[in-house]
Amino acid sequence: MAGTIPLSLTQQFDEFGKPLSGALLYIIQAGTVSTPQQPYQDAALSITMPNPIQLDAAGRIPQFFLADGYIKVRLDDKFGVTQLARDGILVIGPSAGGGGVGGVDPTTLIQTGAIQPYYGTGVLAGFVRLNGRTIGSATSGASERANADCQALFNFLWNVDPNLTVTPARGASSAADWAANKTIATPDFRGCAISGLDDMGNTAVGRLTATYFGASGTTLGALGGQESRLLTAAQSGLPQHQHNVFLRDPGHNHTAYQPTQNRNDGTSTLSFFAFATLQATSTNTTGITIGSVAGVANDNSTALNVAQNASQAHAALGPRKLVTLYIKL
């Protein structure tokens, strides 16, 4: 989407009421000192204009169009004296079709770089998805969106996050890389929840430390956390302990019968048992023991062990509902 600002098609005067003939209007990226922002002659953002834009003999600014977002302007007279300088001016549409309340493109009501959740999965006008694919100019071959309306977001991402990949390589400036038809990767939020930086302009609070988050909690775009974790014995939550087990062997004896009669049949002697005569063996134990180490210990308890649940995956996610995350062009 594209739009314009209230300076378009206006006549400008100096402090004495004289038209600013031949003055120069500089279109600059918001938040920068002098980084140019490309103006266009048409709403499709296909025909570029010189930057700065020169006012005519009557001090009139020609009509111009810009990619949606915020910009900075500086108006210098023909002698180079600044007459007007403003930052954070909202580009207002619609200028390329569409509509909105009162004729204002609703996608211009938030700033370039703002993240928007949306209950859908497809393309959303004025936005691109935060899926790690690339954006760039119409001839850049970008995989998510290749269009002139990506320029503001391209410049924004290039400057705010130096870790985002620029293809084929990051150059001297965002303006130079855009002009060279390079692409930049969008932040990859696939399968990720959004969390605030651990400092956000203040001192780090220590809620997202590298020990548990797995990345720096104060780096924009850092990716940490995981779907599940493998617990070690130390993380099981159970202190080392033993369970007592016992094997009781009180000792016992066995009864035996002694022969009381013998009979000789001429070839052999047979002995007979008489049930009235019982003899008992001596009482004794078997020598059975139980312990934590086979053949060594006799502590009557199990071994120290808390590792039964170690190296098992445990879910680390709370309930969540899934949407698509977009970022404003």
Protein backbone atom coordinates (compact mmCIF):
# COMPACT_ATOMS: atom_id res chain seq x y z
CA MET A 1 0.00 0.00 0.00
CA ALA A 2 1.01 3.60 -0.52
CA GLY A 3 -0.07 7.06 0.48
CA THR A 4 1.08 10.62 0.88
CA ILE A 5 1.47 13.38 3.48
CA PRO A 6 -0.25 16.77 3.83
CA LEU A 7 2.71 18.63 2.25
CA SER A 8 1.91 17.14 -1.15
CA LEU A 9 0.38 19.74 -3.55
CA THR A 10 0.79 22.60 -1.07
CA GLN A 11 2.37 26.04 -1.58
CA GLN A 12 5.14 27.01 0.81
CA PHE A 13 6.18 30.50 1.94
CA ASP A 14 9.08 31.99 3.86
CA GLU A 15 8.73 34.01 7.06
CA PHE A 16 7.98 37.14 5.02
CA GLY A 17 5.17 35.50 3.09
CA LYS A 18 7.16 35.10 -0.13
CA PRO A 19 6.83 31.80 -2.06
CA LEU A 20 9.77 29.47 -1.53
CA SER A 21 10.68 29.34 -5.20
CA GLY A 22 13.21 26.62 -5.97
CA ALA A 23 13.21 25.26 -2.41
CA LEU A 24 14.11 21.63 -1.82
CA LEU A 25 12.00 19.08 0.10
CA TYR A 26 14.02 16.16 1.49
CA ILE A 27 12.17 12.92 2.20
CA ILE A 28 14.07 11.05 4.94
CA GLN A 29 13.60 7.78 6.77
CA ALA A 30 11.95 8.27 10.15
CA GLY A 31 14.34 8.18 13.08
CA THR A 32 17.44 8.85 10.98
CA VAL A 33 19.45 12.02 10.37
CA SER A 34 19.55 12.04 6.60
CA THR A 35 18.92 8.54 5.19
CA PRO A 36 16.77 9.10 2.07
CA GLN A 37 13.27 7.65 1.70
CA GLN A 38 12.25 7.20 -1.93
CA PRO A 39 9.29 9.31 -3.19
CA TYR A 40 7.25 8.28 -6.25
CA GLN A 41 5.16 10.00 -8.90
CA ASP A 42 2.42 7.36 -8.90
CA ALA A 43 0.33 5.49 -6.35
CA ALA A 44 1.69 2.15 -7.57
CA LEU A 45 5.17 3.28 -6.45
CA SER A 46 6.66 2.39 -9.80
CA ILE A 47 7.91 5.79 -11.08
CA THR A 48 10.55 7.32 -8.85
CA MET A 49 10.99 11.03 -8.17
CA PRO A 50 14.17 12.96 -7.41
CA ASN A 51 14.97 13.31 -3.73
CA PRO A 52 15.07 16.13 -2.75
CA ILE A 53 11.92 17.30 -4.52
CA GLN A 54 12.26 20.80 -5.96
CA LEU A 55 9.42 23.31 -5.53
CA ASP A 56 8.30 25.27 -8.61
CA ALA A 57 8.58 29.03 -9.13
CA ALA A 58 5.43 29.61 -7.06
CA GLY A 59 6.75 27.53 -4.17
CA ARG A 60 4.39 24.64 -4.86
CA ILE A 61 5.28 21.05 -3.94
CA PRO A 62 4.35 18.57 -6.67
CA GLN A 63 2.21 15.58 -5.87
CA PHE A 64 4.21 12.63 -4.57
CA PHE A 65 3.54 9.22 -3.04
CA LEU A 66 5.32 7.16 -0.40
CA ALA A 67 5.27 3.65 0.99
CA ASP A 68 3.09 3.33 4.09
CA GLY A 69 4.67 4.05 7.43
CA TYR A 70 6.32 7.07 9.05
CA ILE A 71 8.82 9.48 7.50
CA LYS A 72 10.87 12.55 8.25
CA VAL A 73 10.93 15.71 6.08
CA ARG A 74 13.18 18.75 5.82
CA LEU A 75 12.37 21.80 3.67
CA ASP A 76 15.32 24.04 2.75
CA ASP A 77 15.08 27.25 0.76
CA LYS A 78 17.20 27.68 -2.37
CA PHE A 79 20.01 29.06 -0.22
CA GLY A 80 20.07 25.90 1.94
CA VAL A 81 18.43 27.46 4.98
CA THR A 82 16.07 25.00 6.70
CA GLN A 83 12.50 26.30 6.83
CA LEU A 84 10.79 23.17 8.15
CA ALA A 85 11.94 19.87 9.72
CA ARG A 86 9.65 17.24 11.17
CA ASP A 87 10.09 13.56 12.07
CA GLY A 88 7.52 10.81 12.60
CA ILE A 89 5.01 12.00 9.97
CA LEU A 90 2.42 9.33 9.16
CA VAL A 91 1.93 8.43 5.50
CA ILE A 92 -1.83 8.37 4.91
CA GLY A 93 -3.67 6.31 2.25
CA PRO A 94 -5.38 4.87 0.45
CA SER A 95 -3.64 5.83 -2.73
CA ALA A 96 -3.52 2.47 -4.47
CA GLY A 97 -7.12 1.43 -4.15
CA GLY A 98 -8.90 -0.13 -1.22
CA GLY A 99 -10.72 1.84 1.34
CA GLY A 100 -11.25 2.52 4.98
CA VAL A 101 -13.22 4.59 7.38
CA GLY A 102 -13.40 8.14 6.02
CA GLY A 103 -11.23 7.14 3.03
CA VAL A 104 -8.19 6.34 5.20
CA ASP A 105 -6.36 3.09 4.66
CA PRO A 106 -6.65 1.34 8.04
CA THR A 107 -3.27 -0.33 7.54
CA THR A 108 -1.56 3.06 7.90
CA LEU A 109 -2.72 3.46 11.49
CA ILE A 110 0.19 1.47 12.89
CA GLN A 111 3.89 2.02 12.36
CA THR A 112 6.24 0.08 10.12
CA GLY A 113 7.65 -2.82 12.14
CA ALA A 114 4.59 -3.25 14.36
CA ILE A 115 3.61 -6.91 14.90
CA GLN A 116 -0.01 -7.92 14.37
CA PRO A 117 -1.58 -11.30 15.25
CA TYR A 118 -4.30 -12.31 12.79
CA TYR A 119 -6.68 -15.25 12.80
CA GLY A 120 -5.82 -16.45 9.32
CA THR A 121 -2.96 -17.93 7.33
CA GLY A 122 -2.78 -16.10 4.01
CA VAL A 123 -1.54 -12.79 2.66
CA LEU A 124 -2.69 -9.68 4.59
CA ALA A 125 -2.70 -6.29 2.81
CA GLY A 126 -0.06 -3.92 4.19
CA PHE A 127 1.74 -6.70 6.09
CA VAL A 128 4.04 -9.67 5.56
CA ARG A 129 4.26 -12.83 7.62
CA LEU A 130 6.99 -13.33 10.22
CA ASN A 131 8.10 -16.63 8.71
CA GLY A 132 11.81 -16.11 8.02
CA ARG A 133 11.28 -15.67 4.27
CA THR A 134 12.62 -12.60 2.47
CA ILE A 135 11.33 -9.22 1.30
CA GLY A 136 12.80 -6.82 -1.23
CA SER A 137 12.18 -4.72 -4.32
CA ALA A 138 10.09 -5.82 -7.28
CA THR A 139 13.18 -7.20 -9.03
CA SER A 140 14.84 -8.67 -5.94
CA GLY A 141 13.35 -12.17 -6.20
CA ALA A 142 12.31 -12.05 -2.53
CA SER A 143 10.40 -15.15 -1.41
CA GLU A 144 7.74 -13.59 0.86
CA ARG A 145 7.12 -10.29 -0.97
CA ALA A 146 8.99 -8.59 -3.81
CA ASN A 147 7.42 -5.15 -4.24
CA ALA A 148 8.27 -1.48 -3.92
CA ASP A 149 6.02 -1.20 -0.86
CA CYS A 150 8.55 -3.29 1.10
CA GLN A 151 11.10 -0.48 1.17
CA ALA A 152 10.09 1.03 4.51
CA LEU A 153 10.14 -2.35 6.26
CA PHE A 154 13.37 -3.33 4.49
CA ASN A 155 15.06 -0.20 5.84
CA PHE A 156 13.52 -0.65 9.28
CA LEU A 157 14.62 -4.28 9.68
CA TRP A 158 18.08 -3.60 8.21
CA ASN A 159 18.75 -0.94 10.83
CA VAL A 160 17.03 -2.43 13.89
CA ASP A 161 18.39 -5.99 13.73
CA PRO A 162 21.93 -6.56 12.37
CA ASN A 163 21.48 -10.33 12.79
CA LEU A 164 18.89 -10.58 10.01
CA THR A 165 20.38 -12.06 6.86
CA VAL A 166 20.81 -9.76 3.85
CA THR A 167 21.36 -11.60 0.57
CA PRO A 168 23.83 -11.79 -1.04
CA ALA A 169 25.60 -9.79 1.70
CA ARG A 170 24.98 -6.80 3.99
CA GLY A 171 26.33 -3.62 2.47
CA ALA A 172 27.12 -0.13 3.72
CA SER A 173 23.54 1.01 4.31
CA SER A 174 19.94 -0.07 3.97
CA ALA A 175 19.40 2.45 1.17
CA ALA A 176 22.35 1.07 -0.77
CA ASP A 177 21.20 -2.52 -0.31
CA TRP A 178 17.65 -1.65 -1.36
CA ALA A 179 18.94 0.12 -4.46
CA ALA A 180 21.05 -2.96 -5.23
CA ASN A 181 17.87 -5.10 -5.15
CA LYS A 182 19.07 -7.23 -2.26
CA THR A 183 16.70 -9.13 0.03
CA ILE A 184 16.42 -9.27 3.81
CA ALA A 185 14.95 -12.08 5.89
CA THR A 186 11.97 -11.31 8.08
CA PRO A 187 12.20 -12.33 11.76
CA ASP A 188 11.27 -16.01 12.06
CA PHE A 189 8.44 -16.43 14.57
CA ARG A 190 7.29 -19.86 13.37
CA GLY A 191 6.14 -21.85 16.41
CA CYS A 192 7.24 -19.07 18.78
CA ALA A 193 5.45 -17.04 21.42
CA ILE A 194 6.30 -13.35 21.91
CA SER A 195 8.11 -12.27 25.08
CA GLY A 196 9.43 -8.92 26.23
CA LEU A 197 13.18 -8.30 26.32
CA ASP A 198 14.60 -8.81 29.79
CA ASP A 199 15.69 -5.17 29.97
CA MET A 200 13.62 -3.07 27.48
CA GLY A 201 15.55 0.11 28.22
CA ASN A 202 15.86 -0.69 31.94
CA THR A 203 18.29 -2.94 33.76
CA ALA A 204 17.83 -6.66 33.09
CA VAL A 205 15.35 -8.16 35.54
CA GLY A 206 16.72 -11.70 35.29
CA ARG A 207 13.51 -13.45 34.23
CA LEU A 208 15.10 -14.63 30.97
CA THR A 209 18.64 -15.74 31.67
CA ALA A 210 20.87 -17.70 29.30
CA THR A 211 20.99 -20.56 31.84
CA TYR A 212 17.33 -21.46 31.32
CA PHE A 213 16.26 -19.43 28.27
CA GLY A 214 19.18 -20.77 26.26
CA ALA A 215 19.97 -17.40 24.65
CA SER A 216 20.58 -13.79 25.63
CA GLY A 217 17.44 -12.30 27.16
CA THR A 218 18.49 -8.79 26.16
CA THR A 219 19.09 -9.35 22.42
CA LEU A 220 16.31 -8.33 20.03
CA GLY A 221 15.13 -11.35 18.06
CA ALA A 222 16.91 -13.91 20.24
CA LEU A 223 15.38 -17.40 20.12
CA GLY A 224 15.27 -19.50 23.27
CA GLY A 225 13.23 -22.12 25.07
CA GLN A 226 12.14 -25.48 23.69
CA GLU A 227 9.08 -27.67 23.36
CA SER A 228 10.35 -30.38 25.73
CA ARG A 229 13.31 -31.05 28.00
CA LEU A 230 15.30 -34.15 28.92
CA LEU A 231 15.60 -34.23 32.68
CA THR A 232 18.89 -35.21 34.26
CA ALA A 233 19.05 -36.96 37.62
CA ALA A 234 19.86 -33.63 39.24
CA GLN A 235 16.70 -32.08 37.69
CA SER A 236 14.32 -34.87 38.73
CA GLY A 237 13.24 -33.01 41.85
CA LEU A 238 13.74 -36.08 44.09
CA PRO A 239 16.48 -36.09 46.74
CA GLN A 240 18.74 -39.11 46.95
CA HIS A 241 17.15 -41.74 49.17
CA GLN A 242 17.01 -45.46 49.92
CA HIS A 243 14.20 -47.88 50.54
CA ASN A 244 14.62 -50.48 53.32
CA VAL A 245 14.01 -54.09 52.37
CA PHE A 246 14.33 -57.11 54.68
CA LEU A 247 14.62 -60.87 54.27
CA ARG A 248 13.78 -62.75 57.47
CA ASP A 249 15.52 -66.07 58.07
CA PRO A 250 14.86 -67.11 61.73
CA GLY A 251 16.41 -70.59 61.36
CA HIS A 252 14.63 -73.94 61.45
CA ASN A 253 15.23 -77.68 61.77
CA HIS A 254 14.16 -80.84 59.95
CA THR A 255 12.85 -84.13 61.42
CA ALA A 256 14.38 -87.51 60.54
CA TYR A 257 13.52 -91.11 61.40
CA GLN A 258 16.02 -93.51 62.94
CA PRO A 259 15.82 -97.26 62.04
CA THR A 260 14.80 -99.37 65.07
CA GLN A 261 14.49 -102.89 63.62
CA ASN A 262 16.78 -104.93 61.42
CA ARG A 263 15.86 -108.17 59.55
CA ASN A 264 18.29 -110.51 57.87
CA ASP A 265 16.92 -112.71 55.07
CA GLY A 266 20.25 -114.44 54.53
CA THR A 267 21.38 -112.18 51.72
CA SER A 268 20.97 -108.63 53.11
CA THR A 269 19.98 -106.69 56.19
CA LEU A 270 16.93 -104.40 55.93
CA SER A 271 16.30 -101.52 58.32
CA PHE A 272 12.78 -100.42 59.21
CA PHE A 273 11.63 -97.08 60.65
CA ALA A 274 9.51 -96.91 63.70
CA PHE A 275 7.35 -93.78 63.82
CA ALA A 276 7.71 -93.48 67.53
CA THR A 277 11.37 -92.59 67.31
CA LEU A 278 11.94 -89.09 65.83
CA GLN A 279 15.23 -87.27 65.65
CA ALA A 280 15.72 -83.55 64.89
CA THR A 281 18.57 -81.85 63.01
CA SER A 282 20.27 -78.83 64.51
CA THR A 283 18.66 -75.43 64.06
CA ASN A 284 20.62 -73.12 61.68
CA THR A 285 20.23 -70.19 59.20
CA THR A 286 20.84 -70.34 55.47
CA GLY A 287 23.23 -67.37 55.30
CA ILE A 288 20.99 -65.42 52.86
CA THR A 289 21.52 -61.62 52.88
CA ILE A 290 20.15 -58.70 50.80
CA GLY A 291 21.90 -55.46 49.91
CA SER A 292 22.47 -52.78 47.30
CA VAL A 293 25.56 -54.36 45.72
CA ALA A 294 25.48 -58.03 44.75
CA GLY A 295 27.87 -60.18 46.76
CA VAL A 296 29.35 -57.21 48.63
CA ALA A 297 27.02 -55.08 50.69
CA ASN A 298 24.70 -56.21 53.42
CA ASP A 299 22.98 -52.95 54.29
CA ASN A 300 19.44 -54.32 53.97
CA SER A 301 18.45 -51.43 51.68
CA THR A 302 18.32 -50.51 48.01
CA ALA A 303 21.05 -48.48 46.33
CA LEU A 304 21.01 -44.69 46.17
CA ASN A 305 19.33 -43.87 42.83
CA VAL A 306 17.27 -41.01 41.47
CA ALA A 307 18.03 -41.51 37.79
CA GLN A 308 15.05 -43.66 36.81
CA ASN A 309 13.33 -40.71 35.05
CA ALA A 310 16.46 -39.06 33.68
CA SER A 311 16.78 -38.54 29.91
CA GLN A 312 13.03 -38.74 29.45
CA ALA A 313 11.32 -35.93 27.49
CA HIS A 314 8.94 -33.79 29.52
CA ALA A 315 6.60 -31.19 27.99
CA ALA A 316 7.64 -27.60 28.63
CA LEU A 317 4.71 -25.79 26.96
CA GLY A 318 1.63 -24.31 28.55
CA PRO A 319 -1.74 -24.05 26.77
CA ARG A 320 -1.73 -21.78 23.72
CA LYS A 321 -3.91 -20.94 20.70
CA LEU A 322 -2.24 -20.55 17.31
CA VAL A 323 -2.57 -17.59 14.91
CA THR A 324 -0.40 -16.06 12.18
CA LEU A 325 1.95 -13.23 13.12
CA TYR A 326 2.42 -10.37 10.64
CA ILE A 327 4.66 -7.31 10.55
CA LYS A 328 3.64 -3.93 9.11
CA LEU A 329 5.22 -2.86 5.82
